[in-house]
Amino acid sequence: MGTASWRELAARESGVSTAALDELWAELPTVRAEEILGEWRGAAFQTGHPLCRALPVNRWYGKRFRSLAHVEPLVCRAEDGSLFSNKKLGKGEASLWNIEFRGEVTATMVYDGQPVFDHFKPLDDTTLMGIMNGRPDLVLADGAHFYFLLERVAPC
């Protein structure tokens, strides 16, 4: 993928283009839903998408894939520092599936209460790249998806 590694793209506080992230995504292997169970700490690629600002305001920590049928998509940090599944923000919780996206079947988180899907591919043994997909009026900003990272904290 050109000269920039995914780590360099993730570290760019000044921003990264969605075109560069699309190129990176296309080069990555797929992953199966059952291979990503566990707790993951999240971070956004700084593309300018509104979620790059909204998630920190809500103290988003990451995601917990407890089983294929039980996913906590928006784990946030409470005022006291404890972690909780923000069901109000996520309009419920989620489940994991293997779903086709951009011509490949890969692990995908399906929100229970809204038409939103997070697709995943591995960047390395402990890091996933995610793309939020779904109904365009809910997930796209100026035609662009939200791109994020998940770093494994603990397996399930």
N, C-alpha and C. Protein backbone atom coordinates (compact mmCIF):
# COMPACT_ATOMS: atom_id res chain seq x y z
N MET A 1 0.82 -1.16 0.00
CA MET A 1 0.00 0.00 0.00
C MET A 1 0.87 1.23 0.00
N GLY A 2 1.37 1.63 -1.04
CA GLY A 2 2.19 2.84 -1.14
C GLY A 2 3.33 2.83 -0.15
N THR A 3 3.67 4.00 0.37
CA THR A 3 4.79 4.09 1.29
C THR A 3 4.36 4.17 2.75
N ALA A 4 3.12 4.51 3.04
CA ALA A 4 2.67 4.66 4.42
C ALA A 4 2.12 3.34 4.96
N SER A 5 2.57 2.97 6.15
CA SER A 5 2.05 1.77 6.80
C SER A 5 0.74 2.13 7.50
N TRP A 6 0.00 1.11 7.94
CA TRP A 6 -1.25 1.38 8.63
C TRP A 6 -0.99 2.13 9.93
N ARG A 7 0.15 1.86 10.57
CA ARG A 7 0.49 2.57 11.82
C ARG A 7 0.70 4.06 11.56
N GLU A 8 1.34 4.36 10.44
CA GLU A 8 1.55 5.77 10.09
C GLU A 8 0.21 6.45 9.79
N LEU A 9 -0.67 5.75 9.09
CA LEU A 9 -1.98 6.32 8.78
C LEU A 9 -2.78 6.56 10.06
N ALA A 10 -2.71 5.62 10.99
CA ALA A 10 -3.45 5.75 12.25
C ALA A 10 -2.91 6.88 13.11
N ALA A 11 -1.63 7.17 13.01
CA ALA A 11 -0.99 8.20 13.84
C ALA A 11 -1.17 9.61 13.28
N ARG A 12 -1.67 9.74 12.08
CA ARG A 12 -1.81 11.06 11.45
C ARG A 12 -2.91 11.88 12.10
N GLU A 13 -2.52 12.75 13.03
CA GLU A 13 -3.50 13.61 13.69
C GLU A 13 -4.06 14.64 12.72
N SER A 14 -3.29 14.98 11.69
CA SER A 14 -3.75 15.97 10.71
C SER A 14 -4.76 15.38 9.75
N GLY A 15 -4.93 14.08 9.79
CA GLY A 15 -5.94 13.43 8.97
C GLY A 15 -5.38 12.49 7.93
N VAL A 16 -6.24 11.59 7.49
CA VAL A 16 -5.90 10.61 6.48
C VAL A 16 -7.08 10.52 5.51
N SER A 17 -6.78 10.31 4.26
CA SER A 17 -7.86 10.27 3.25
C SER A 17 -8.56 8.91 3.28
N THR A 18 -9.85 8.94 2.98
CA THR A 18 -10.57 7.68 2.89
C THR A 18 -10.07 6.85 1.71
N ALA A 19 -9.54 7.50 0.68
CA ALA A 19 -8.98 6.76 -0.46
C ALA A 19 -7.80 5.91 -0.01
N ALA A 20 -6.94 6.46 0.85
CA ALA A 20 -5.80 5.69 1.36
C ALA A 20 -6.28 4.52 2.21
N LEU A 21 -7.34 4.73 2.97
CA LEU A 21 -7.88 3.66 3.81
C LEU A 21 -8.59 2.60 2.97
N ASP A 22 -9.28 3.02 1.91
CA ASP A 22 -9.89 2.06 0.99
C ASP A 22 -8.82 1.17 0.36
N GLU A 23 -7.70 1.77 -0.01
CA GLU A 23 -6.58 1.03 -0.61
C GLU A 23 -6.02 0.02 0.39
N LEU A 24 -5.84 0.46 1.62
CA LEU A 24 -5.35 -0.44 2.67
C LEU A 24 -6.32 -1.59 2.87
N TRP A 25 -7.61 -1.29 3.00
CA TRP A 25 -8.63 -2.32 3.22
C TRP A 25 -8.57 -3.39 2.12
N ALA A 26 -8.45 -2.96 0.88
CA ALA A 26 -8.44 -3.89 -0.26
C ALA A 26 -7.28 -4.87 -0.19
N GLU A 27 -6.19 -4.48 0.45
CA GLU A 27 -5.00 -5.34 0.53
C GLU A 27 -5.04 -6.33 1.69
N LEU A 28 -5.93 -6.13 2.63
CA LEU A 28 -5.95 -6.96 3.84
C LEU A 28 -6.67 -8.28 3.62
N PRO A 29 -6.26 -9.32 4.37
CA PRO A 29 -6.99 -10.59 4.31
C PRO A 29 -8.30 -10.47 5.10
N THR A 30 -9.21 -11.38 4.87
CA THR A 30 -10.45 -11.40 5.62
C THR A 30 -10.23 -12.16 6.94
N VAL A 31 -11.23 -12.09 7.81
CA VAL A 31 -11.18 -12.80 9.09
C VAL A 31 -12.58 -13.34 9.37
N ARG A 32 -12.65 -14.44 10.08
CA ARG A 32 -13.94 -15.03 10.42
C ARG A 32 -14.42 -14.49 11.76
N ALA A 33 -15.73 -14.37 11.89
CA ALA A 33 -16.32 -13.81 13.11
C ALA A 33 -15.85 -14.52 14.36
N GLU A 34 -15.78 -15.84 14.32
CA GLU A 34 -15.40 -16.60 15.52
C GLU A 34 -13.94 -16.39 15.92
N GLU A 35 -13.15 -15.81 15.05
CA GLU A 35 -11.72 -15.56 15.34
C GLU A 35 -11.48 -14.24 16.08
N ILE A 36 -12.51 -13.40 16.21
CA ILE A 36 -12.27 -12.09 16.82
C ILE A 36 -12.96 -11.92 18.17
N LEU A 37 -13.42 -13.01 18.76
CA LEU A 37 -14.06 -12.91 20.07
C LEU A 37 -13.08 -12.35 21.08
N GLY A 38 -13.58 -11.51 21.97
CA GLY A 38 -12.74 -10.91 23.01
C GLY A 38 -13.06 -9.45 23.22
N GLU A 39 -12.19 -8.80 24.00
CA GLU A 39 -12.33 -7.38 24.28
C GLU A 39 -11.34 -6.60 23.45
N TRP A 40 -11.81 -5.49 22.87
CA TRP A 40 -11.00 -4.68 21.95
C TRP A 40 -11.09 -3.20 22.32
N ARG A 41 -9.97 -2.52 22.34
CA ARG A 41 -9.91 -1.07 22.56
C ARG A 41 -9.94 -0.38 21.20
N GLY A 42 -10.75 0.66 21.06
CA GLY A 42 -10.95 1.29 19.77
C GLY A 42 -10.29 2.64 19.62
N ALA A 43 -10.06 3.02 18.37
CA ALA A 43 -9.54 4.34 18.01
C ALA A 43 -9.98 4.62 16.57
N ALA A 44 -10.17 5.89 16.27
CA ALA A 44 -10.61 6.28 14.93
C ALA A 44 -9.43 6.66 14.05
N PHE A 45 -9.52 6.30 12.77
CA PHE A 45 -8.64 6.92 11.78
C PHE A 45 -9.18 8.33 11.60
N GLN A 46 -8.34 9.33 11.63
CA GLN A 46 -8.76 10.73 11.58
C GLN A 46 -9.06 11.17 10.14
N THR A 47 -10.28 10.87 9.70
CA THR A 47 -10.71 11.19 8.34
C THR A 47 -11.56 12.45 8.28
N GLY A 48 -11.95 12.97 9.43
CA GLY A 48 -12.87 14.09 9.46
C GLY A 48 -14.32 13.67 9.57
N HIS A 49 -14.59 12.37 9.59
CA HIS A 49 -15.96 11.87 9.76
C HIS A 49 -16.48 12.37 11.11
N PRO A 50 -17.75 12.74 11.21
CA PRO A 50 -18.29 13.24 12.48
C PRO A 50 -18.09 12.29 13.67
N LEU A 51 -18.02 10.99 13.43
CA LEU A 51 -17.80 10.05 14.54
C LEU A 51 -16.40 10.18 15.15
N CYS A 52 -15.46 10.76 14.41
CA CYS A 52 -14.12 11.00 14.96
C CYS A 52 -14.20 11.94 16.16
N ARG A 53 -15.21 12.80 16.18
CA ARG A 53 -15.42 13.72 17.30
C ARG A 53 -16.46 13.19 18.28
N ALA A 54 -17.51 12.55 17.79
CA ALA A 54 -18.62 12.11 18.64
C ALA A 54 -18.23 10.98 19.59
N LEU A 55 -17.43 10.03 19.13
CA LEU A 55 -17.08 8.91 19.99
C LEU A 55 -16.26 9.33 21.21
N PRO A 56 -15.24 10.18 21.07
CA PRO A 56 -14.52 10.63 22.27
C PRO A 56 -15.42 11.40 23.25
N VAL A 57 -16.36 12.17 22.75
CA VAL A 57 -17.29 12.91 23.61
C VAL A 57 -18.07 11.93 24.49
N ASN A 58 -18.40 10.76 23.94
CA ASN A 58 -19.13 9.73 24.68
C ASN A 58 -18.20 8.77 25.42
N ARG A 59 -16.92 9.10 25.43
CA ARG A 59 -15.88 8.29 26.11
C ARG A 59 -15.88 6.83 25.63
N TRP A 60 -15.98 6.68 24.29
CA TRP A 60 -15.94 5.34 23.70
C TRP A 60 -14.60 4.69 24.00
N TYR A 61 -14.67 3.48 24.51
CA TYR A 61 -13.48 2.69 24.83
C TYR A 61 -13.19 1.65 23.76
N GLY A 62 -14.24 0.94 23.30
CA GLY A 62 -14.04 -0.12 22.32
C GLY A 62 -15.25 -1.02 22.20
N LYS A 63 -14.98 -2.31 21.94
CA LYS A 63 -16.04 -3.29 21.73
C LYS A 63 -15.71 -4.57 22.48
N ARG A 64 -16.77 -5.30 22.88
CA ARG A 64 -16.59 -6.63 23.48
C ARG A 64 -17.39 -7.62 22.65
N PHE A 65 -16.69 -8.56 22.07
CA PHE A 65 -17.32 -9.64 21.32
C PHE A 65 -17.35 -10.85 22.26
N ARG A 66 -18.40 -10.96 23.08
CA ARG A 66 -18.48 -12.03 24.09
C ARG A 66 -18.79 -13.38 23.45
N SER A 67 -19.61 -13.39 22.43
CA SER A 67 -19.94 -14.58 21.65
C SER A 67 -20.50 -14.07 20.33
N LEU A 68 -20.78 -14.98 19.40
CA LEU A 68 -21.35 -14.55 18.13
C LEU A 68 -22.70 -13.87 18.32
N ALA A 69 -23.44 -14.28 19.35
CA ALA A 69 -24.77 -13.74 19.59
C ALA A 69 -24.80 -12.60 20.60
N HIS A 70 -23.68 -12.34 21.28
CA HIS A 70 -23.66 -11.30 22.31
C HIS A 70 -22.45 -10.39 22.13
N VAL A 71 -22.72 -9.22 21.56
CA VAL A 71 -21.68 -8.23 21.31
C VAL A 71 -22.08 -6.91 21.97
N GLU A 72 -21.13 -6.29 22.65
CA GLU A 72 -21.31 -4.95 23.20
C GLU A 72 -20.56 -4.01 22.27
N PRO A 73 -21.28 -3.34 21.35
CA PRO A 73 -20.63 -2.57 20.29
C PRO A 73 -20.04 -1.24 20.74
N LEU A 74 -20.64 -0.65 21.78
CA LEU A 74 -20.19 0.66 22.23
C LEU A 74 -19.89 0.61 23.72
N VAL A 75 -18.70 0.08 24.04
CA VAL A 75 -18.25 0.06 25.42
C VAL A 75 -17.64 1.43 25.71
N CYS A 76 -18.18 2.09 26.72
CA CYS A 76 -17.76 3.44 27.07
C CYS A 76 -17.25 3.48 28.51
N ARG A 77 -16.54 4.55 28.83
CA ARG A 77 -16.00 4.74 30.17
C ARG A 77 -16.93 5.67 30.94
N ALA A 78 -17.37 5.21 32.12
CA ALA A 78 -18.24 6.02 32.98
C ALA A 78 -17.40 7.09 33.68
N GLU A 79 -18.08 8.01 34.34
CA GLU A 79 -17.40 9.08 35.09
C GLU A 79 -16.41 8.52 36.09
N ASP A 80 -16.74 7.37 36.73
CA ASP A 80 -15.86 6.78 37.74
C ASP A 80 -14.74 5.94 37.13
N GLY A 81 -14.67 5.88 35.80
CA GLY A 81 -13.62 5.13 35.12
C GLY A 81 -13.98 3.71 34.75
N SER A 82 -15.11 3.22 35.27
CA SER A 82 -15.53 1.85 34.94
C SER A 82 -16.04 1.79 33.50
N LEU A 83 -16.05 0.58 32.94
CA LEU A 83 -16.52 0.37 31.57
C LEU A 83 -17.95 -0.17 31.59
N PHE A 84 -18.75 0.27 30.62
CA PHE A 84 -20.12 -0.21 30.51
C PHE A 84 -20.54 -0.24 29.05
N SER A 85 -21.49 -1.11 28.74
CA SER A 85 -22.05 -1.19 27.40
C SER A 85 -23.11 -0.10 27.27
N ASN A 86 -22.85 0.88 26.40
CA ASN A 86 -23.76 2.00 26.24
C ASN A 86 -24.89 1.61 25.27
N LYS A 87 -25.89 0.92 25.81
CA LYS A 87 -27.00 0.43 25.00
C LYS A 87 -27.85 1.57 24.45
N LYS A 88 -27.92 2.68 25.17
CA LYS A 88 -28.70 3.82 24.70
C LYS A 88 -28.06 4.41 23.44
N LEU A 89 -26.76 4.63 23.48
CA LEU A 89 -26.04 5.19 22.34
C LEU A 89 -26.09 4.25 21.14
N GLY A 90 -25.95 2.94 21.38
CA GLY A 90 -25.95 1.96 20.30
C GLY A 90 -27.31 1.47 19.90
N LYS A 91 -28.36 1.94 20.59
CA LYS A 91 -29.73 1.48 20.35
C LYS A 91 -29.82 -0.04 20.50
N GLY A 92 -29.24 -0.53 21.59
CA GLY A 92 -29.19 -1.96 21.86
C GLY A 92 -27.76 -2.46 21.75
N GLU A 93 -27.63 -3.74 21.54
CA GLU A 93 -26.29 -4.31 21.39
C GLU A 93 -26.14 -4.85 19.96
N ALA A 94 -25.46 -6.00 19.78
CA ALA A 94 -25.18 -6.46 18.42
C ALA A 94 -24.86 -7.95 18.41
N SER A 95 -24.60 -8.47 17.21
CA SER A 95 -24.15 -9.86 17.03
C SER A 95 -23.09 -9.88 15.93
N LEU A 96 -22.36 -10.99 15.86
CA LEU A 96 -21.29 -11.15 14.86
C LEU A 96 -21.71 -12.16 13.80
N TRP A 97 -21.39 -11.83 12.55
CA TRP A 97 -21.71 -12.68 11.41
C TRP A 97 -20.54 -12.65 10.43
N ASN A 98 -20.56 -13.56 9.48
CA ASN A 98 -19.64 -13.51 8.35
C ASN A 98 -20.47 -13.04 7.15
N ILE A 99 -20.20 -11.83 6.70
CA ILE A 99 -21.03 -11.17 5.69
C ILE A 99 -20.16 -10.63 4.56
N GLU A 100 -20.72 -10.67 3.35
CA GLU A 100 -19.99 -10.13 2.20
C GLU A 100 -20.01 -8.60 2.20
N PHE A 101 -18.83 -8.02 1.97
CA PHE A 101 -18.68 -6.58 1.84
C PHE A 101 -17.57 -6.35 0.82
N ARG A 102 -17.84 -5.55 -0.17
CA ARG A 102 -16.88 -5.27 -1.24
C ARG A 102 -16.34 -6.55 -1.88
N GLY A 103 -17.23 -7.51 -2.07
CA GLY A 103 -16.88 -8.74 -2.78
C GLY A 103 -16.17 -9.82 -1.97
N GLU A 104 -16.03 -9.62 -0.64
CA GLU A 104 -15.36 -10.60 0.21
C GLU A 104 -16.22 -10.86 1.45
N VAL A 105 -16.18 -12.09 1.93
CA VAL A 105 -16.88 -12.42 3.17
C VAL A 105 -15.89 -12.23 4.32
N THR A 106 -16.27 -11.38 5.28
CA THR A 106 -15.42 -11.12 6.43
C THR A 106 -16.28 -10.92 7.68
N ALA A 107 -15.65 -10.95 8.85
CA ALA A 107 -16.36 -10.76 10.11
C ALA A 107 -17.08 -9.42 10.09
N THR A 108 -18.34 -9.44 10.52
CA THR A 108 -19.16 -8.23 10.52
C THR A 108 -20.03 -8.20 11.76
N MET A 109 -20.04 -7.06 12.42
CA MET A 109 -20.90 -6.84 13.57
C MET A 109 -22.18 -6.18 13.08
N VAL A 110 -23.32 -6.75 13.46
CA VAL A 110 -24.63 -6.24 13.05
C VAL A 110 -25.32 -5.67 14.29
N TYR A 111 -25.61 -4.37 14.26
CA TYR A 111 -26.30 -3.73 15.38
C TYR A 111 -27.73 -4.27 15.48
N ASP A 112 -28.20 -4.48 16.71
CA ASP A 112 -29.56 -4.98 16.92
C ASP A 112 -30.62 -3.93 16.60
N GLY A 113 -30.38 -2.66 16.92
CA GLY A 113 -31.43 -1.68 16.86
C GLY A 113 -31.33 -0.65 15.75
N GLN A 114 -30.40 -0.84 14.82
CA GLN A 114 -30.27 0.12 13.73
C GLN A 114 -29.61 -0.55 12.52
N PRO A 115 -29.89 -0.05 11.30
CA PRO A 115 -29.33 -0.66 10.09
C PRO A 115 -27.88 -0.25 9.87
N VAL A 116 -27.00 -0.75 10.78
CA VAL A 116 -25.58 -0.42 10.75
C VAL A 116 -24.77 -1.70 10.90
N PHE A 117 -23.69 -1.79 10.12
CA PHE A 117 -22.80 -2.95 10.12
C PHE A 117 -21.36 -2.47 10.24
N ASP A 118 -20.58 -3.12 11.09
CA ASP A 118 -19.14 -2.85 11.16
C ASP A 118 -18.42 -4.06 10.59
N HIS A 119 -17.68 -3.86 9.50
CA HIS A 119 -16.93 -4.94 8.86
C HIS A 119 -15.49 -4.89 9.37
N PHE A 120 -14.86 -6.06 9.50
CA PHE A 120 -13.51 -6.13 10.06
C PHE A 120 -12.55 -6.94 9.20
N LYS A 121 -11.29 -6.50 9.22
CA LYS A 121 -10.18 -7.25 8.63
C LYS A 121 -8.97 -7.07 9.55
N PRO A 122 -8.10 -8.08 9.62
CA PRO A 122 -6.93 -7.96 10.49
C PRO A 122 -5.80 -7.13 9.86
N LEU A 123 -5.25 -6.24 10.69
CA LEU A 123 -4.05 -5.49 10.29
C LEU A 123 -2.80 -6.24 10.73
N ASP A 124 -2.91 -6.93 11.87
CA ASP A 124 -1.85 -7.82 12.36
C ASP A 124 -2.50 -8.79 13.35
N ASP A 125 -1.72 -9.50 14.14
CA ASP A 125 -2.27 -10.52 15.05
C ASP A 125 -3.14 -9.95 16.16
N THR A 126 -3.00 -8.66 16.48
CA THR A 126 -3.74 -8.10 17.60
C THR A 126 -4.52 -6.83 17.24
N THR A 127 -4.61 -6.51 15.96
CA THR A 127 -5.28 -5.27 15.56
C THR A 127 -6.20 -5.52 14.37
N LEU A 128 -7.40 -4.97 14.46
CA LEU A 128 -8.38 -5.05 13.37
C LEU A 128 -8.62 -3.67 12.79
N MET A 129 -8.90 -3.63 11.51
CA MET A 129 -9.41 -2.42 10.87
C MET A 129 -10.91 -2.61 10.72
N GLY A 130 -11.66 -1.55 11.00
CA GLY A 130 -13.10 -1.61 10.87
C GLY A 130 -13.62 -0.52 9.95
N ILE A 131 -14.69 -0.84 9.24
CA ILE A 131 -15.41 0.13 8.41
C ILE A 131 -16.88 0.05 8.81
N MET A 132 -17.45 1.20 9.19
CA MET A 132 -18.88 1.25 9.50
C MET A 132 -19.65 1.43 8.19
N ASN A 133 -20.64 0.58 8.02
CA ASN A 133 -21.44 0.55 6.80
C ASN A 133 -22.91 0.50 7.21
N GLY A 134 -23.79 0.74 6.30
CA GLY A 134 -25.21 0.64 6.60
C GLY A 134 -26.00 1.65 5.80
N ARG A 135 -27.15 2.02 6.35
CA ARG A 135 -28.00 2.97 5.65
C ARG A 135 -27.24 4.29 5.50
N PRO A 136 -27.09 4.76 4.27
CA PRO A 136 -26.23 5.92 4.00
C PRO A 136 -26.49 7.14 4.88
N ASP A 137 -27.76 7.45 5.16
CA ASP A 137 -28.04 8.65 5.96
C ASP A 137 -27.59 8.49 7.41
N LEU A 138 -27.32 7.28 7.85
CA LEU A 138 -26.84 7.04 9.21
C LEU A 138 -25.33 6.95 9.31
N VAL A 139 -24.66 6.47 8.28
CA VAL A 139 -23.23 6.16 8.43
C VAL A 139 -22.29 6.95 7.53
N LEU A 140 -22.78 7.48 6.44
CA LEU A 140 -21.88 8.19 5.53
C LEU A 140 -21.81 9.68 5.85
N ALA A 141 -20.63 10.24 5.69
CA ALA A 141 -20.43 11.68 5.83
C ALA A 141 -19.79 12.15 4.53
N ASP A 142 -20.50 12.96 3.77
CA ASP A 142 -20.02 13.40 2.46
C ASP A 142 -19.64 12.20 1.59
N GLY A 143 -20.43 11.13 1.68
CA GLY A 143 -20.21 9.93 0.88
C GLY A 143 -19.16 8.99 1.41
N ALA A 144 -18.54 9.30 2.57
CA ALA A 144 -17.43 8.48 3.10
C ALA A 144 -17.85 7.70 4.34
N HIS A 145 -17.31 6.50 4.45
CA HIS A 145 -17.53 5.65 5.62
C HIS A 145 -16.67 6.13 6.80
N PHE A 146 -16.99 5.61 7.99
CA PHE A 146 -16.17 5.82 9.19
C PHE A 146 -15.20 4.64 9.28
N TYR A 147 -13.91 4.93 9.47
CA TYR A 147 -12.86 3.92 9.55
C TYR A 147 -12.26 3.96 10.95
N PHE A 148 -12.03 2.78 11.52
CA PHE A 148 -11.50 2.72 12.87
C PHE A 148 -10.60 1.50 13.08
N LEU A 149 -9.94 1.49 14.22
CA LEU A 149 -9.03 0.41 14.61
C LEU A 149 -9.56 -0.23 15.89
N LEU A 150 -9.29 -1.50 16.05
CA LEU A 150 -9.55 -2.19 17.32
C LEU A 150 -8.29 -2.95 17.68
N GLU A 151 -7.81 -2.74 18.91
CA GLU A 151 -6.62 -3.43 19.41
C GLU A 151 -7.08 -4.43 20.48
N ARG A 152 -6.69 -5.70 20.32
CA ARG A 152 -7.12 -6.73 21.27
C ARG A 152 -6.55 -6.46 22.65
N VAL A 153 -7.46 -6.43 23.63
CA VAL A 153 -7.08 -6.29 25.03
C VAL A 153 -7.01 -7.66 25.68
N ALA A 154 -8.04 -8.48 25.39
CA ALA A 154 -8.09 -9.83 25.96
C ALA A 154 -8.97 -10.72 25.09
N PRO A 155 -8.59 -12.00 24.95
CA PRO A 155 -9.47 -12.92 24.23
C PRO A 155 -10.66 -13.26 25.11
N CYS A 156 -11.71 -13.80 24.50
CA CYS A 156 -12.91 -14.17 25.26
C CYS A 156 -12.77 -15.57 25.81
